[in-house]
C-alpha cells in the first residue's frame, strides 16, 4: 500500500512538472508569434491561452500533491501520539 502511494505521488509530481514545461513552451511560442514581422494574433492568443491553462493545471496538481504530503505526515504524527498514549 505504501509503495503504491509513493508511485502515485511520484507520478503526480512528474506530470505536474511536465505540464509546467509544456506551459512554458506554449507561452514562449506565443511571444515568438507576436514578434514576427506579420504577427499572427489568433495563433499567439491561442498559444497564450493553452499555456495559461496548462500552467493552471500544473499549479493545481502541485498544490494537491503538497497538501497530500502534509496530510500523510500529520496522519503519521497522530498515529504515533496515539501509540504513546496507549502505552
N, C-alpha and C. Protein backbone atom coordinates (compact mmCIF):
# COMPACT_ATOMS: atom_id res chain seq x y z
N UNK A 1 0.82 -1.20 0.00
CA UNK A 1 0.00 0.00 0.00
C UNK A 1 0.86 1.26 0.00
N UNK A 2 1.89 1.29 0.84
CA UNK A 2 2.75 2.47 0.92
C UNK A 2 3.53 2.65 -0.37
N UNK A 3 3.93 1.53 -0.98
CA UNK A 3 4.67 1.64 -2.23
C UNK A 3 3.80 2.22 -3.33
N UNK A 4 2.52 1.83 -3.34
CA UNK A 4 1.60 2.35 -4.35
C UNK A 4 1.41 3.85 -4.15
N UNK A 5 1.32 4.29 -2.90
CA UNK A 5 1.17 5.72 -2.63
C UNK A 5 2.39 6.49 -3.10
N UNK A 6 3.57 5.93 -2.89
CA UNK A 6 4.79 6.60 -3.35
C UNK A 6 4.81 6.70 -4.87
N UNK A 7 4.36 5.64 -5.54
CA UNK A 7 4.33 5.64 -7.00
C UNK A 7 3.33 6.67 -7.51
N UNK A 8 2.16 6.73 -6.90
CA UNK A 8 1.16 7.73 -7.30
C UNK A 8 1.68 9.13 -7.02
N UNK A 9 2.37 9.30 -5.92
CA UNK A 9 2.91 10.61 -5.56
C UNK A 9 3.99 11.02 -6.56
N UNK A 10 4.85 10.09 -6.91
CA UNK A 10 5.92 10.40 -7.86
C UNK A 10 5.35 10.69 -9.25
N UNK A 11 4.35 9.94 -9.64
CA UNK A 11 3.76 10.18 -10.97
C UNK A 11 3.02 11.51 -10.99
N UNK A 12 2.38 11.87 -9.90
CA UNK A 12 1.70 13.16 -9.82
C UNK A 12 2.70 14.30 -9.93
N UNK A 13 3.82 14.18 -9.24
CA UNK A 13 4.85 15.19 -9.31
C UNK A 13 5.45 15.28 -10.71
N UNK A 14 5.69 14.14 -11.33
CA UNK A 14 6.26 14.13 -12.68
C UNK A 14 5.31 14.75 -13.69
N UNK A 15 4.03 14.44 -13.59
CA UNK A 15 3.05 15.01 -14.52
C UNK A 15 2.95 16.51 -14.34
N UNK A 16 2.98 16.98 -13.10
CA UNK A 16 2.87 18.42 -12.88
C UNK A 16 4.11 19.16 -13.41
N UNK A 17 5.27 18.58 -13.25
CA UNK A 17 6.48 19.20 -13.80
C UNK A 17 6.44 19.20 -15.33
N UNK A 18 5.95 18.11 -15.91
CA UNK A 18 5.79 18.05 -17.37
C UNK A 18 4.81 19.12 -17.85
N UNK A 19 3.73 19.31 -17.12
CA UNK A 19 2.77 20.35 -17.50
C UNK A 19 3.36 21.75 -17.39
N UNK A 20 4.22 21.97 -16.41
CA UNK A 20 4.89 23.27 -16.30
C UNK A 20 5.77 23.50 -17.53
N UNK A 21 6.50 22.49 -17.94
CA UNK A 21 7.37 22.63 -19.11
C UNK A 21 6.55 22.87 -20.38
N UNK A 22 5.43 22.16 -20.52
CA UNK A 22 4.57 22.36 -21.70
C UNK A 22 4.00 23.77 -21.69
N UNK A 23 3.59 24.25 -20.53
CA UNK A 23 3.04 25.60 -20.46
C UNK A 23 4.09 26.65 -20.80
N UNK A 24 5.31 26.45 -20.33
CA UNK A 24 6.38 27.39 -20.67
C UNK A 24 6.68 27.38 -22.17
N UNK A 25 6.60 26.20 -22.78
CA UNK A 25 6.79 26.11 -24.22
C UNK A 25 5.72 26.91 -24.96
N UNK A 26 4.46 26.71 -24.58
CA UNK A 26 3.39 27.43 -25.26
C UNK A 26 3.46 28.93 -25.02
N UNK A 27 3.83 29.34 -23.81
CA UNK A 27 3.93 30.77 -23.54
C UNK A 27 5.08 31.40 -24.34
N UNK A 28 6.21 30.71 -24.44
CA UNK A 28 7.31 31.25 -25.24
C UNK A 28 6.96 31.24 -26.73
N UNK A 29 6.22 30.23 -27.16
CA UNK A 29 5.76 30.18 -28.54
C UNK A 29 4.81 31.34 -28.83
N UNK A 30 3.98 31.68 -27.86
CA UNK A 30 3.07 32.81 -28.01
C UNK A 30 3.85 34.12 -28.20
N UNK A 31 4.88 34.32 -27.41
CA UNK A 31 5.70 35.53 -27.54
C UNK A 31 6.41 35.56 -28.88
N UNK A 32 6.90 34.42 -29.32
CA UNK A 32 7.57 34.34 -30.62
C UNK A 32 6.62 34.70 -31.76
N UNK A 33 5.39 34.21 -31.67
CA UNK A 33 4.42 34.50 -32.73
C UNK A 33 4.04 35.99 -32.75
N UNK A 34 4.08 36.63 -31.60
CA UNK A 34 3.77 38.06 -31.55
C UNK A 34 4.89 38.91 -32.15
N UNK A 35 6.13 38.41 -32.12
CA UNK A 35 7.27 39.19 -32.55
C UNK A 35 7.59 39.04 -34.03
N UNK A 36 6.84 38.26 -34.76
CA UNK A 36 7.08 38.09 -36.19
C UNK A 36 6.78 39.39 -36.93
N UNK A 37 7.33 39.51 -38.15
CA UNK A 37 7.07 40.71 -38.95
C UNK A 37 5.58 40.89 -39.19
N UNK A 38 4.93 39.81 -39.53
CA UNK A 38 3.47 39.82 -39.65
C UNK A 38 2.93 39.03 -38.47
N UNK A 39 2.61 39.72 -37.38
CA UNK A 39 2.19 38.98 -36.18
C UNK A 39 0.94 38.14 -36.44
N UNK A 40 1.00 36.96 -35.94
CA UNK A 40 -0.15 36.05 -36.06
C UNK A 40 -0.92 36.13 -34.74
N UNK A 41 -1.87 37.04 -34.72
CA UNK A 41 -2.56 37.37 -33.47
C UNK A 41 -3.37 36.20 -32.96
N UNK A 42 -4.15 35.57 -33.81
CA UNK A 42 -5.00 34.47 -33.36
C UNK A 42 -4.17 33.31 -32.83
N UNK A 43 -3.12 32.98 -33.54
CA UNK A 43 -2.27 31.87 -33.11
C UNK A 43 -1.55 32.19 -31.81
N UNK A 44 -1.09 33.44 -31.67
CA UNK A 44 -0.38 33.79 -30.44
C UNK A 44 -1.32 33.83 -29.25
N UNK A 45 -2.54 34.31 -29.45
CA UNK A 45 -3.51 34.31 -28.36
C UNK A 45 -3.91 32.89 -27.96
N UNK A 46 -4.08 32.03 -28.96
CA UNK A 46 -4.42 30.64 -28.66
C UNK A 46 -3.27 29.95 -27.91
N UNK A 47 -2.05 30.20 -28.31
CA UNK A 47 -0.90 29.62 -27.62
C UNK A 47 -0.81 30.15 -26.19
N UNK A 48 -1.12 31.43 -25.99
CA UNK A 48 -1.10 32.00 -24.64
C UNK A 48 -2.18 31.37 -23.77
N UNK A 49 -3.36 31.17 -24.33
CA UNK A 49 -4.45 30.56 -23.56
C UNK A 49 -4.10 29.12 -23.19
N UNK A 50 -3.55 28.38 -24.13
CA UNK A 50 -3.14 26.99 -23.84
C UNK A 50 -2.05 26.98 -22.78
N UNK A 51 -1.09 27.88 -22.89
CA UNK A 51 -0.02 27.96 -21.89
C UNK A 51 -0.54 28.29 -20.51
N UNK A 52 -1.46 29.24 -20.42
CA UNK A 52 -2.01 29.60 -19.12
C UNK A 52 -2.88 28.48 -18.54
N UNK A 53 -3.62 27.78 -19.39
CA UNK A 53 -4.45 26.67 -18.90
C UNK A 53 -3.60 25.53 -18.36
N UNK A 54 -2.53 25.19 -19.09
CA UNK A 54 -1.67 24.11 -18.59
C UNK A 54 -0.89 24.54 -17.36
N UNK A 55 -0.53 25.82 -17.27
CA UNK A 55 0.13 26.31 -16.06
C UNK A 55 -0.81 26.24 -14.87
N UNK A 56 -2.05 26.59 -15.08
CA UNK A 56 -3.05 26.50 -14.01
C UNK A 56 -3.24 25.06 -13.56
N UNK A 57 -3.30 24.14 -14.51
CA UNK A 57 -3.46 22.72 -14.17
C UNK A 57 -2.26 22.20 -13.39
N UNK A 58 -1.07 22.59 -13.80
CA UNK A 58 0.14 22.10 -13.12
C UNK A 58 0.24 22.67 -11.70
N UNK A 59 -0.13 23.93 -11.53
CA UNK A 59 -0.08 24.53 -10.19
C UNK A 59 -1.11 23.86 -9.28
N UNK A 60 -2.29 23.56 -9.82
CA UNK A 60 -3.31 22.87 -9.03
C UNK A 60 -2.84 21.47 -8.64
N UNK A 61 -2.23 20.78 -9.55
CA UNK A 61 -1.72 19.44 -9.27
C UNK A 61 -0.60 19.47 -8.24
N UNK A 62 0.30 20.43 -8.35
CA UNK A 62 1.37 20.58 -7.36
C UNK A 62 0.81 20.93 -5.98
N UNK A 63 -0.20 21.80 -5.95
CA UNK A 63 -0.81 22.17 -4.67
C UNK A 63 -1.46 20.95 -4.02
N UNK A 64 -2.16 20.15 -4.81
CA UNK A 64 -2.78 18.94 -4.29
C UNK A 64 -1.74 17.97 -3.79
N UNK A 65 -0.62 17.85 -4.50
CA UNK A 65 0.46 16.96 -4.09
C UNK A 65 1.04 17.41 -2.74
N UNK A 66 1.25 18.71 -2.57
CA UNK A 66 1.80 19.22 -1.32
C UNK A 66 0.82 18.99 -0.18
N UNK A 67 -0.47 19.24 -0.42
CA UNK A 67 -1.47 19.02 0.62
C UNK A 67 -1.52 17.55 1.02
N UNK A 68 -1.43 16.65 0.05
CA UNK A 68 -1.45 15.22 0.35
C UNK A 68 -0.23 14.81 1.17
N UNK A 69 0.94 15.37 0.85
CA UNK A 69 2.14 15.05 1.63
C UNK A 69 2.02 15.54 3.07
N UNK A 70 1.50 16.76 3.26
CA UNK A 70 1.32 17.31 4.60
C UNK A 70 0.31 16.48 5.38
N UNK A 71 -0.76 16.05 4.71
CA UNK A 71 -1.77 15.22 5.37
C UNK A 71 -1.18 13.90 5.82
N UNK A 72 -0.38 13.26 4.98
CA UNK A 72 0.24 11.99 5.35
C UNK A 72 1.16 12.16 6.55
N UNK A 73 1.94 13.24 6.58
CA UNK A 73 2.82 13.50 7.72
C UNK A 73 2.01 13.72 9.00
N UNK A 74 0.94 14.49 8.89
CA UNK A 74 0.10 14.75 10.07
C UNK A 74 -0.56 13.46 10.54
N UNK A 75 -0.96 12.63 9.62
CA UNK A 75 -1.59 11.36 9.98
C UNK A 75 -0.60 10.46 10.72
N UNK A 76 0.65 10.43 10.26
CA UNK A 76 1.67 9.63 10.94
C UNK A 76 1.93 10.16 12.35
N UNK A 77 1.95 11.49 12.49
CA UNK A 77 2.18 12.09 13.80
C UNK A 77 1.05 11.74 14.77
N UNK A 78 -0.18 11.80 14.30
CA UNK A 78 -1.33 11.48 15.16
C UNK A 78 -1.30 10.02 15.56
N UNK A 79 -0.96 9.14 14.62
CA UNK A 79 -0.90 7.71 14.93
C UNK A 79 0.20 7.41 15.95
N UNK A 80 1.35 8.08 15.81
CA UNK A 80 2.43 7.84 16.76
C UNK A 80 2.08 8.39 18.15
N UNK A 81 1.35 9.51 18.22
CA UNK A 81 0.91 10.02 19.51
C UNK A 81 -0.10 9.09 20.16
N UNK A 82 -0.99 8.49 19.37
CA UNK A 82 -1.96 7.55 19.91
C UNK A 82 -1.28 6.31 20.45
N UNK A 83 -0.21 5.84 19.80
CA UNK A 83 0.52 4.68 20.29
C UNK A 83 1.19 4.99 21.63
N UNK A 84 1.72 6.19 21.79
CA UNK A 84 2.36 6.58 23.05
C UNK A 84 1.33 6.69 24.17
N UNK A 85 0.10 7.12 23.88
CA UNK A 85 -0.93 7.23 24.89
C UNK A 85 -1.39 5.86 25.35
N UNK A 86 -1.43 4.89 24.44
CA UNK A 86 -1.86 3.54 24.79
C UNK A 86 -0.84 2.89 25.71
N UNK A 87 0.42 3.12 25.46
CA UNK A 87 1.48 2.50 26.27
C UNK A 87 1.51 3.19 27.59
